[in-house]
Every structure is written in structure tokens, then in C-alpha cells.
C-alpha atoms as a PDB file:
ATOM      1  CA  MET A   1      -2.996  -2.058 -88.143  1.00  0.00           C
ATOM      2  CA  GLU A   2      -3.977  -4.444 -85.337  1.00  0.00           C
ATOM      3  CA  ALA A   3      -0.343  -5.495 -85.002  1.00  0.00           C
ATOM      4  CA  MET A   4       0.689  -1.845 -84.658  1.00  0.00           C
ATOM      5  CA  GLU A   5      -1.952  -1.247 -82.009  1.00  0.00           C
ATOM      6  CA  SER A   6      -0.705  -4.303 -80.123  1.00  0.00           C
ATOM      7  CA  LEU A   7       2.837  -2.897 -80.222  1.00  0.00           C
ATOM      8  CA  ARG A   8       1.501   0.448 -78.991  1.00  0.00           C
ATOM      9  CA  ASP A   9      -0.299  -1.239 -76.085  1.00  0.00           C
ATOM     10  CA  SER A  10       2.811  -3.220 -75.098  1.00  0.00           C
ATOM     11  CA  TYR A  11       4.924  -0.077 -75.242  1.00  0.00           C
ATOM     12  CA  LEU A  12       2.524   1.959 -73.106  1.00  0.00           C
ATOM     13  CA  SER A  13       2.283  -0.842 -70.571  1.00  0.00           C
ATOM     14  CA  LEU A  14       6.068  -1.088 -70.252  1.00  0.00           C
ATOM     15  CA  THR A  15       6.645   2.670 -69.994  1.00  0.00           C
ATOM     16  CA  GLN A  16       4.038   3.165 -67.286  1.00  0.00           C
ATOM     17  CA  GLY A  17       5.746   4.018 -64.010  1.00  0.00           C
ATOM     18  CA  ARG A  18       9.270   4.138 -65.453  1.00  0.00           C
ATOM     19  CA  ILE A  19      11.255   6.853 -63.723  1.00  0.00           C
ATOM     20  CA  ASP A  20      12.440   9.530 -66.168  1.00  0.00           C
ATOM     21  CA  TYR A  21      11.610   7.391 -69.215  1.00  0.00           C
ATOM     22  CA  ALA A  22       9.704  10.179 -70.973  1.00  0.00           C
ATOM     23  CA  LYS A  23      12.554  12.614 -70.287  1.00  0.00           C
ATOM     24  CA  PHE A  24      15.230  10.452 -71.878  1.00  0.00           C
ATOM     25  CA  ASN A  25      12.971   9.342 -74.727  1.00  0.00           C
ATOM     26  CA  ARG A  26      12.353  12.978 -75.649  1.00  0.00           C
ATOM     27  CA  ILE A  27      16.083  13.721 -75.523  1.00  0.00           C
ATOM     28  CA  ALA A  28      16.725  10.831 -77.921  1.00  0.00           C
ATOM     29  CA  MET A  29      14.110  12.265 -80.266  1.00  0.00           C
ATOM     30  CA  VAL A  30      15.793  15.679 -80.120  1.00  0.00           C
ATOM     31  CA  HIS A  31      19.038  13.988 -81.141  1.00  0.00           C
ATOM     32  CA  HIS A  32      17.539  12.253 -84.181  1.00  0.00           C
ATOM     33  CA  SER A  33      15.583  15.298 -85.368  1.00  0.00           C
ATOM     34  CA  ASN A  34      18.625  17.583 -85.152  1.00  0.00           C
ATOM     35  CA  ALA A  35      20.981  14.986 -86.656  1.00  0.00           C
ATOM     36  CA  ILE A  36      18.741  14.820 -89.729  1.00  0.00           C
ATOM     37  CA  GLU A  37      19.363  18.559 -90.096  1.00  0.00           C
ATOM     38  CA  GLY A  38      23.149  18.219 -89.825  1.00  0.00           C
ATOM     39  CA  SER A  39      23.953  18.224 -86.111  1.00  0.00           C
ATOM     40  CA  THR A  40      27.068  16.195 -85.274  1.00  0.00           C
ATOM     41  CA  LEU A  41      26.187  15.596 -81.624  1.00  0.00           C
ATOM     42  CA  THR A  42      25.840  11.918 -80.729  1.00  0.00           C
ATOM     43  CA  GLU A  43      22.854  10.686 -78.762  1.00  0.00           C
ATOM     44  CA  LEU A  44      25.034  10.345 -75.659  1.00  0.00           C
ATOM     45  CA  GLU A  45      26.401  13.877 -76.065  1.00  0.00           C
ATOM     46  CA  THR A  46      22.851  15.179 -76.442  1.00  0.00           C
ATOM     47  CA  GLN A  47      21.744  13.348 -73.297  1.00  0.00           C
ATOM     48  CA  VAL A  48      24.657  14.638 -71.227  1.00  0.00           C
ATOM     49  CA  LEU A  49      24.103  18.176 -72.512  1.00  0.00           C
ATOM     50  CA  LEU A  50      20.379  18.273 -71.809  1.00  0.00           C
ATOM     51  CA  SER A  51      20.331  16.287 -68.561  1.00  0.00           C
ATOM     52  CA  GLU A  52      23.566  17.535 -66.976  1.00  0.00           C
ATOM     53  CA  GLY A  53      24.314  20.794 -68.801  1.00  0.00           C
ATOM     54  CA  LEU A  54      27.741  19.619 -69.983  1.00  0.00           C
ATOM     55  CA  THR A  55      28.718  20.978 -73.394  1.00  0.00           C
ATOM     56  CA  PRO A  56      30.327  18.409 -75.716  1.00  0.00           C
ATOM     57  CA  LYS A  57      33.941  19.119 -76.590  1.00  0.00           C
ATOM     58  CA  GLY A  58      35.111  19.509 -80.141  1.00  0.00           C
ATOM     59  CA  LYS A  59      31.625  20.057 -81.588  1.00  0.00           C
ATOM     60  CA  PRO A  60      30.310  23.257 -83.241  1.00  0.00           C
ATOM     61  CA  ALA A  61      28.600  25.599 -80.800  1.00  0.00           C
ATOM     62  CA  GLU A  62      25.697  25.840 -83.231  1.00  0.00           C
ATOM     63  CA  HIS A  63      24.965  22.131 -82.809  1.00  0.00           C
ATOM     64  CA  THR A  64      24.844  22.499 -79.034  1.00  0.00           C
ATOM     65  CA  LEU A  65      22.452  25.425 -79.377  1.00  0.00           C
ATOM     66  CA  MET A  66      20.280  23.417 -81.800  1.00  0.00           C
ATOM     67  CA  ALA A  67      19.818  20.723 -79.151  1.00  0.00           C
ATOM     68  CA  ILE A  68      19.004  23.187 -76.381  1.00  0.00           C
ATOM     69  CA  ASP A  69      16.506  25.065 -78.547  1.00  0.00           C
ATOM     70  CA  HIS A  70      14.839  21.941 -79.907  1.00  0.00           C
ATOM     71  CA  HIS A  71      14.457  20.468 -76.435  1.00  0.00           C
ATOM     72  CA  HIS A  72      12.802  23.657 -75.170  1.00  0.00           C
ATOM     73  CA  ALA A  73      10.462  23.705 -78.186  1.00  0.00           C
ATOM     74  CA  MET A  74       9.517  20.062 -77.624  1.00  0.00           C
ATOM     75  CA  GLU A  75       8.713  20.599 -73.955  1.00  0.00           C
ATOM     76  CA  GLN A  76       6.649  23.640 -74.884  1.00  0.00           C
ATOM     77  CA  ILE A  77       4.521  22.029 -77.575  1.00  0.00           C
ATOM     78  CA  LEU A  78       4.003  18.790 -75.613  1.00  0.00           C
ATOM     79  CA  GLY A  79       2.944  20.886 -72.640  1.00  0.00           C
ATOM     80  CA  TRP A  80       0.243  22.445 -74.803  1.00  0.00           C
ATOM     81  CA  ALA A  81      -0.854  18.951 -75.840  1.00  0.00           C
ATOM     82  CA  GLU A  82      -1.137  17.865 -72.199  1.00  0.00           C
ATOM     83  CA  GLN A  83      -3.301  20.924 -71.501  1.00  0.00           C
ATOM     84  CA  LYS A  84      -5.448  20.066 -74.545  1.00  0.00           C
ATOM     85  CA  GLU A  85      -4.637  23.447 -76.041  1.00  0.00           C
ATOM     86  CA  VAL A  86      -5.527  23.556 -79.737  1.00  0.00           C
ATOM     87  CA  LEU A  87      -2.806  25.197 -81.781  1.00  0.00           C
ATOM     88  CA  THR A  88      -3.258  28.443 -83.661  1.00  0.00           C
ATOM     89  CA  LEU A  89      -0.962  30.016 -86.235  1.00  0.00           C
ATOM     90  CA  ALA A  90       0.543  32.071 -83.407  1.00  0.00           C
ATOM     91  CA  HIS A  91       1.428  28.827 -81.581  1.00  0.00           C
ATOM     92  CA  LEU A  92       3.136  27.427 -84.672  1.00  0.00           C
ATOM     93  CA  LYS A  93       5.184  30.592 -85.119  1.00  0.00           C
ATOM     94  CA  GLU A  94       6.154  30.432 -81.453  1.00  0.00           C
ATOM     95  CA  ILE A  95       7.440  26.875 -81.852  1.00  0.00           C
ATOM     96  CA  ALA A  96       9.316  27.766 -85.051  1.00  0.00           C
ATOM     97  CA  ALA A  97      10.905  30.655 -83.161  1.00  0.00           C
ATOM     98  CA  ALA A  98      11.838  28.381 -80.251  1.00  0.00           C
ATOM     99  CA  VAL A  99      13.510  25.883 -82.611  1.00  0.00           C
ATOM    100  CA  LEU A 100      15.755  28.665 -83.988  1.00  0.00           C
ATOM    101  CA  LYS A 101      15.997  30.857 -80.901  1.00  0.00           C
ATOM    102  CA  ASN A 102      19.800  30.808 -80.770  1.00  0.00           C
ATOM    103  CA  THR A 103      20.665  29.843 -84.343  1.00  0.00           C
ATOM    104  CA  GLY A 104      18.241  31.919 -86.410  1.00  0.00           C
ATOM    105  CA  SER A 105      18.952  35.389 -87.747  1.00  0.00           C
ATOM    106  CA  GLU A 106      17.626  38.346 -89.681  1.00  0.00           C
ATOM    107  CA  ILE A 107      17.399  37.746 -93.418  1.00  0.00           C
ATOM    108  CA  HIS A 108      17.310  40.648 -95.856  1.00  0.00           C
ATOM    109  CA  THR A 109      15.455  40.297 -99.139  1.00  0.00           C
ATOM    110  CA  ALA A 110      14.153  42.611-101.832  1.00  0.00           C
ATOM    111  CA  LEU A 111      10.726  42.224-100.225  1.00  0.00           C
ATOM    112  CA  GLY A 112      11.878  43.179 -96.758  1.00  0.00           C
ATOM    113  CA  THR A 113      13.619  41.803 -93.689  1.00  0.00           C
ATOM    114  CA  PHE A 114      12.415  38.863 -91.625  1.00  0.00           C
ATOM    115  CA  ASP A 115      13.873  37.138 -88.570  1.00  0.00           C
ATOM    116  CA  SER A 116      13.942  33.338 -88.462  1.00  0.00           C
ATOM    117  CA  SER A 117      14.665  33.408 -84.706  1.00  0.00           C
ATOM    118  CA  LYS A 118      11.279  35.069 -84.181  1.00  0.00           C
ATOM    119  CA  GLY A 119       9.195  32.672 -86.259  1.00  0.00           C
ATOM    120  CA  ASP A 120       8.730  35.142 -89.106  1.00  0.00           C
ATOM    121  CA  LEU A 121       7.414  33.594 -92.307  1.00  0.00           C
ATOM    122  CA  ARG A 122       9.856  33.601 -95.193  1.00  0.00           C
ATOM    123  CA  LEU A 123       9.842  36.430 -97.720  1.00  0.00           C
ATOM    124  CA  LEU A 124      11.623  34.479-100.428  1.00  0.00           C
ATOM    125  CA  ASN A 125      11.064  31.426-102.582  1.00  0.00           C
ATOM    126  CA  VAL A 126      12.968  28.229-101.828  1.00  0.00           C
ATOM    127  CA  HIS A 127      13.903  24.922-103.412  1.00  0.00           C
ATOM    128  CA  ALA A 128      15.311  21.779-101.792  1.00  0.00           C
ATOM    129  CA  GLY A 129      16.505  18.773-103.756  1.00  0.00           C
ATOM    130  CA  ASN A 130      13.952  18.112-106.465  1.00  0.00           C
ATOM    131  CA  SER A 131      11.219  19.971-104.601  1.00  0.00           C
ATOM    132  CA  SER A 132       9.929  23.474-105.176  1.00  0.00           C
ATOM    133  CA  PHE A 133       7.871  24.889-102.346  1.00  0.00           C
ATOM    134  CA  PRO A 134       4.923  27.299-102.534  1.00  0.00           C
ATOM    135  CA  ASN A 135       5.691  30.931-103.281  1.00  0.00           C
ATOM    136  CA  TYR A 136       6.121  33.053-100.176  1.00  0.00           C
ATOM    137  CA  ASP A 137       2.908  35.003-100.846  1.00  0.00           C
ATOM    138  CA  LYS A 138       0.805  31.816-100.656  1.00  0.00           C
ATOM    139  CA  ILE A 139       2.101  30.772 -97.243  1.00  0.00           C
ATOM    140  CA  PRO A 140      -0.334  32.703 -94.979  1.00  0.00           C
ATOM    141  CA  ARG A 141      -3.405  31.209 -96.679  1.00  0.00           C
ATOM    142  CA  LEU A 142      -1.948  27.706 -96.737  1.00  0.00           C
ATOM    143  CA  LEU A 143      -1.069  27.897 -93.048  1.00  0.00           C
ATOM    144  CA  ASP A 144      -4.494  29.256 -92.156  1.00  0.00           C
ATOM    145  CA  ASP A 145      -6.090  26.305 -93.969  1.00  0.00           C
ATOM    146  CA  LEU A 146      -3.807  23.789 -92.245  1.00  0.00           C
ATOM    147  CA  VAL A 147      -4.301  25.230 -88.768  1.00  0.00           C
ATOM    148  CA  SER A 148      -8.068  25.396 -89.287  1.00  0.00           C
ATOM    149  CA  HIS A 149      -8.122  21.753 -90.423  1.00  0.00           C
ATOM    150  CA  ILE A 150      -6.124  20.597 -87.402  1.00  0.00           C
ATOM    151  CA  ALA A 151      -8.226  22.655 -84.986  1.00  0.00           C
ATOM    152  CA  THR A 152     -11.410  21.046 -86.324  1.00  0.00           C
ATOM    153  CA  ALA A 153     -10.115  17.489 -86.605  1.00  0.00           C
ATOM    154  CA  LEU A 154      -7.932  17.212 -83.506  1.00  0.00           C
ATOM    155  CA  PRO A 155     -10.665  17.013 -80.843  1.00  0.00           C
ATOM    156  CA  GLN A 156     -12.760  14.714 -83.027  1.00  0.00           C
ATOM    157  CA  VAL A 157     -10.330  12.001 -84.153  1.00  0.00           C
ATOM    158  CA  LYS A 158     -10.612   8.771 -82.188  1.00  0.00           C
ATOM    159  CA  GLY A 159      -8.491   5.655 -82.212  1.00  0.00           C
ATOM    160  CA  PHE A 160      -4.964   4.757 -83.260  1.00  0.00           C
ATOM    161  CA  LYS A 161      -5.448   4.960 -87.032  1.00  0.00           C
ATOM    162  CA  ALA A 162      -7.369   8.239 -87.110  1.00  0.00           C
ATOM    163  CA  VAL A 163      -4.898   9.985 -84.809  1.00  0.00           C
ATOM    164  CA  HIS A 164      -1.938   8.917 -86.911  1.00  0.00           C
ATOM    165  CA  VAL A 165      -3.598   9.784 -90.203  1.00  0.00           C
ATOM    166  CA  LEU A 166      -3.933  13.336 -88.867  1.00  0.00           C
ATOM    167  CA  ALA A 167      -0.446  13.423 -87.304  1.00  0.00           C
ATOM    168  CA  PHE A 168       1.354  12.205 -90.428  1.00  0.00           C
ATOM    169  CA  GLU A 169      -0.770  14.402 -92.692  1.00  0.00           C
ATOM    170  CA  ALA A 170       0.021  17.505 -90.604  1.00  0.00           C
ATOM    171  CA  HIS A 171       3.728  16.633 -90.641  1.00  0.00           C
ATOM    172  CA  TYR A 172       3.742  16.242 -94.402  1.00  0.00           C
ATOM    173  CA  GLN A 173       1.635  19.329 -95.115  1.00  0.00           C
ATOM    174  CA  LEU A 174       3.644  21.683 -92.900  1.00  0.00           C
ATOM    175  CA  VAL A 175       7.049  20.588 -94.179  1.00  0.00           C
ATOM    176  CA  SER A 176       5.714  20.840 -97.743  1.00  0.00           C
ATOM    177  CA  ILE A 177       4.435  24.383 -97.209  1.00  0.00           C
ATOM    178  CA  HIS A 178       7.927  25.167 -95.866  1.00  0.00           C
ATOM    179  CA  PRO A 179       6.819  28.407 -94.213  1.00  0.00           C
ATOM    180  CA  TRP A 180      10.171  29.371 -92.679  1.00  0.00           C
ATOM    181  CA  ALA A 181      13.669  29.944 -93.975  1.00  0.00           C
ATOM    182  CA  ASP A 182      14.950  27.193 -91.685  1.00  0.00           C
ATOM    183  CA  GLY A 183      13.631  24.763 -89.072  1.00  0.00           C
ATOM    184  CA  ASN A 184      10.744  23.452 -91.183  1.00  0.00           C
ATOM    185  CA  GLY A 185      11.562  19.771 -90.678  1.00  0.00           C
ATOM    186  CA  ARG A 186      12.050  20.065 -86.939  1.00  0.00           C
ATOM    187  CA  THR A 187       8.888  22.111 -86.480  1.00  0.00           C
ATOM    188  CA  SER A 188       6.853  19.711 -88.638  1.00  0.00           C
ATOM    189  CA  ARG A 189       8.037  16.703 -86.645  1.00  0.00           C
ATOM    190  CA  LEU A 190       7.124  18.513 -83.433  1.00  0.00           C
ATOM    191  CA  LEU A 191       3.645  19.213 -84.817  1.00  0.00           C
ATOM    192  CA  MET A 192       3.248  15.478 -85.477  1.00  0.00           C
ATOM    193  CA  ASN A 193       4.363  14.698 -81.905  1.00  0.00           C
ATOM    194  CA  TYR A 194       1.932  17.288 -80.532  1.00  0.00           C
ATOM    195  CA  ILE A 195      -1.018  15.564 -82.216  1.00  0.00           C
ATOM    196  CA  GLN A 196       0.121  12.161 -80.964  1.00  0.00           C
ATOM    197  CA  HIS A 197       0.654  13.423 -77.416  1.00  0.00           C
ATOM    198  CA  PHE A 198      -2.710  15.220 -77.421  1.00  0.00           C
ATOM    199  CA  HIS A 199      -4.311  11.785 -77.718  1.00  0.00           C
ATOM    200  CA  GLY A 200      -1.902   9.886 -75.478  1.00  0.00           C
ATOM    201  CA  GLU A 201      -0.153   8.054 -78.313  1.00  0.00           C
ATOM    202  CA  PRO A 202       3.594   7.276 -78.329  1.00  0.00           C
ATOM    203  CA  LEU A 203       5.726   9.874 -80.068  1.00  0.00           C
ATOM    204  CA  SER A 204       7.110   9.100 -83.528  1.00  0.00           C
ATOM    205  CA  VAL A 205      10.718   9.675 -84.470  1.00  0.00           C
ATOM    206  CA  VAL A 206      12.470   9.703 -87.836  1.00  0.00           C
ATOM    207  CA  HIS A 207      15.688   7.792 -87.281  1.00  0.00           C
ATOM    208  CA  LEU A 208      18.942   9.341 -88.464  1.00  0.00           C
ATOM    209  CA  GLU A 209      19.938   6.195 -90.341  1.00  0.00           C
ATOM    210  CA  ASP A 210      16.695   6.481 -92.362  1.00  0.00           C
ATOM    211  CA  LYS A 211      17.275  10.106 -93.370  1.00  0.00           C
ATOM    212  CA  ALA A 212      17.581   9.358 -97.095  1.00  0.00           C
ATOM    213  CA  ALA A 213      14.437   7.205 -97.070  1.00  0.00           C
ATOM    214  CA  TYR A 214      12.592  10.000 -95.236  1.00  0.00           C
ATOM    215  CA  PHE A 215      13.490  12.593 -97.859  1.00  0.00           C
ATOM    216  CA  ASN A 216      12.679  10.132-100.633  1.00  0.00           C
ATOM    217  CA  ALA A 217       9.241   9.489 -99.108  1.00  0.00           C
ATOM    218  CA  LEU A 218       8.554  13.219 -98.953  1.00  0.00           C
ATOM    219  CA  GLU A 219       9.621  13.799-102.554  1.00  0.00           C
ATOM    220  CA  LYS A 220       7.751  10.770-103.893  1.00  0.00           C
ATOM    221  CA  THR A 221       4.586  11.838-102.075  1.00  0.00           C
ATOM    222  CA  ARG A 222       4.824  15.283-103.670  1.00  0.00           C
ATOM    223  CA  SER A 223       5.469  13.903-107.158  1.00  0.00           C
ATOM    224  CA  THR A 224       2.739  11.232-107.018  1.00  0.00           C
ATOM    225  CA  LYS A 225       0.335  13.210-104.825  1.00  0.00           C
ATOM    226  CA  ASN A 226      -0.241   9.952-102.949  1.00  0.00           C
ATOM    227  CA  PRO A 227      -0.259  10.545 -99.156  1.00  0.00           C
ATOM    228  CA  LYS A 228       0.005   6.800 -98.515  1.00  0.00           C
ATOM    229  CA  VAL A 229       3.667   6.893 -99.554  1.00  0.00           C
ATOM    230  CA  PHE A 230       4.600   9.148 -96.661  1.00  0.00           C
ATOM    231  CA  SER A 231       2.216   7.574 -94.153  1.00  0.00           C
ATOM    232  CA  THR A 232       3.564   4.098 -94.946  1.00  0.00           C
ATOM    233  CA  PHE A 233       7.100   5.311 -94.295  1.00  0.00           C
ATOM    234  CA  MET A 234       6.085   6.969 -91.033  1.00  0.00           C
ATOM    235  CA  TYR A 235       4.249   3.849 -89.829  1.00  0.00           C
ATOM    236  CA  SER A 236       7.450   1.897 -90.491  1.00  0.00           C
ATOM    237  CA  GLN A 237       9.398   4.413 -88.397  1.00  0.00           C
ATOM    238  CA  LEU A 238       6.887   4.169 -85.572  1.00  0.00           C
ATOM    239  CA  GLU A 239       7.001   0.373 -85.687  1.00  0.00           C
ATOM    240  CA  LYS A 240      10.808   0.434 -85.624  1.00  0.00           C
ATOM    241  CA  HIS A 241      10.834   2.788 -82.637  1.00  0.00           C
ATOM    242  CA  LEU A 242       8.260   0.820 -80.658  1.00  0.00           C
ATOM    243  CA  LYS A 243       9.988  -2.513 -81.252  1.00  0.00           C
ATOM    244  CA  SER A 244      13.356  -1.059 -80.261  1.00  0.00           C
ATOM    245  CA  GLU A 245      11.989   0.502 -77.078  1.00  0.00           C
ATOM    246  CA  ILE A 246      10.010  -2.614 -76.111  1.00  0.00           C
ATOM    247  CA  LYS A 247      13.200  -4.665 -76.444  1.00  0.00           C
ATOM    248  CA  LYS A 248      15.021  -2.276 -74.123  1.00  0.00           C
ATOM    249  CA  LEU A 249      12.189  -2.002 -71.633  1.00  0.00           C
ATOM    250  CA  ASP A 250      11.155  -5.654 -71.473  1.00  0.00           C
ATOM    251  CA  ARG A 251      13.964  -6.532 -69.093  1.00  0.00           C
ATOM    252  CA  PRO A 252      14.093  -7.027 -65.308  1.00  0.00           C
ATOM    253  CA  PHE A 253      14.070  -3.703 -63.461  1.00  0.00           C
ATOM    254  CA  LYS A 254      17.547  -2.847 -62.291  1.00  0.00           C
ATOM    255  CA  LYS A 255      19.755   0.084 -61.518  1.00  0.00           C
ATOM    256  CA  GLY A 256      22.628   0.439 -63.915  1.00  0.00           C
ATOM    257  CA  LYS A 257      23.762   1.833 -67.190  1.00  0.00           C
ATOM    258  CA  GLY A 258      21.150   2.264 -69.869  1.00  0.00           C
ATOM    259  CA  GLU A 259      21.578   1.663 -73.560  1.00  0.00           C
ATOM    260  CA  SER A 260      23.169   5.063 -73.955  1.00  0.00           C
ATOM    261  CA  GLY A 261      25.704   4.514 -71.180  1.00  0.00           C
ATOM    262  CA  ILE A 262      23.993   6.973 -68.818  1.00  0.00           C
ATOM    263  CA  ALA A 263      23.101   5.668 -65.395  1.00  0.00           C
ATOM    264  CA  LEU A 264      19.321   5.382 -65.257  1.00  0.00           C
ATOM    265  CA  VAL A 265      16.881   3.919 -62.809  1.00  0.00           C
ATOM    266  CA  PHE A 266      14.023   2.102 -64.512  1.00  0.00           C
END
């Protein structure tokens, strides 16, 4: 854990004062989170779309809308973290709605109609891979318990380890409750980032190339009921991200093309 904290400190030191670093880092995270859910936009296409408003050619319109919506949701939830606003269930529904603003829809079931673009909780039971998620009628209580736990713990946790225990736990719990018909993974990763940002920690990302390992960690954690499985995976993702960013940032300041090919000034 000391090695991770040292990486964190090096990363924060290198990012301090970097023009637009946070902006482009968040865009990269939008790319990875959406790509895990099937988006075909490259990181460069996502950056050009969100920084310059240029729509990528030859890509599904839905994937463009996913990036725009996710970016808005990220800015919204991180803004709440900066204001030290403790999330309620209404906040979570608002973020879920933002994630699916332009790609969600009304869904009709025997129990009634709900709208995923408005953050409505699902009124159906779902399965994914080898996982079965809680019945729809248990979701309100489970979410109330989770939100209450976060609201109590968030202002109290101190230090790198405690913050990340809470962040990774919240990520795992929300995606495992699976409250919405779609957007659960993206919303859960944003919740994790919110907790990290609330305490000034670097944001975690699940890398696209580690998608299978991510899903395996989730499923193994559910089957073994051992939270260390998922937290160990997420620490490895954080370490990978920090090392990669430190390598990019620990170079002489210069004006030129960044790693993505976009002209940046660092």
C-alpha cells in the first residue's frame, strides 16, 4: 500500500499546474468506460468529439451519443464531489438518467412502464453472464441501504486505503444491485470516481483491454463473497493507470502532440 501511495503522490505532483490535464484525462476515462459497454469510438475520436464537437465518421450515432452523455454525467457527479455534496438516491437516479439521456428509452413490462433515460429503476428481473441480480422489488431497499452507508462513511473516511475501500465497495455494490435496465456499469464507475474525487484522490479507470478480467473479478467476487477479489483487481487498474500517466507526464514541458495525437500544451 505504501508503494501505491507513493505512486499517487508522484502522480498528483506531476499533474499539478498542467493545463487541461484533468479535461483530457476525464475524456480518456469516458472512452474506456463506454468501450467496455460496446462503443466503437477510439480514444482519439472521443477526444475530438468532446473537445472540438466533431462527430466521427462511419461510427454508429448511438456510440457518439454515449460519449456525449457519459461526459456530461461525469462532469456533473465530479462537480458534486468538488462541492462536497453527499449523494442521495435522487442524485444517483439523476446520474443514471444523464448516462442514458440520448440512448435510453421507455420499456414496457407486465408490471408497468419505466424509462431508462429518466433514471427509472427497472421493473423486470435481469441476468448477465453467470450472474443473477436481485429481484426488481428488492432494489429500492438495497439502494437505500447503499446510499445511507455512503452518506455516513464518506465524510469520515481518511487516508488512501480507507477512501479506496469505500470507492471500490460502492462500485461493486451498485453494479451488483443492477438497479437500471442499462447503464449500470457506467454509473457504478462514476460513483467510484465521485468518492475518489470527494477526497482529492486520482480517478480510477477500468481499461478496455482488461474488460474480461474486470467481468471475471465481478463474477468471482459474487460467487466467493470475497470483496478482496474485486478490490485487488481495482488496485491493479489504478496502479496501471498511475504508472502510465506518470510515464507520460514525467517529460520536459513542451508544446506539441500528446500521446493521443491531439495538440496539447502541458
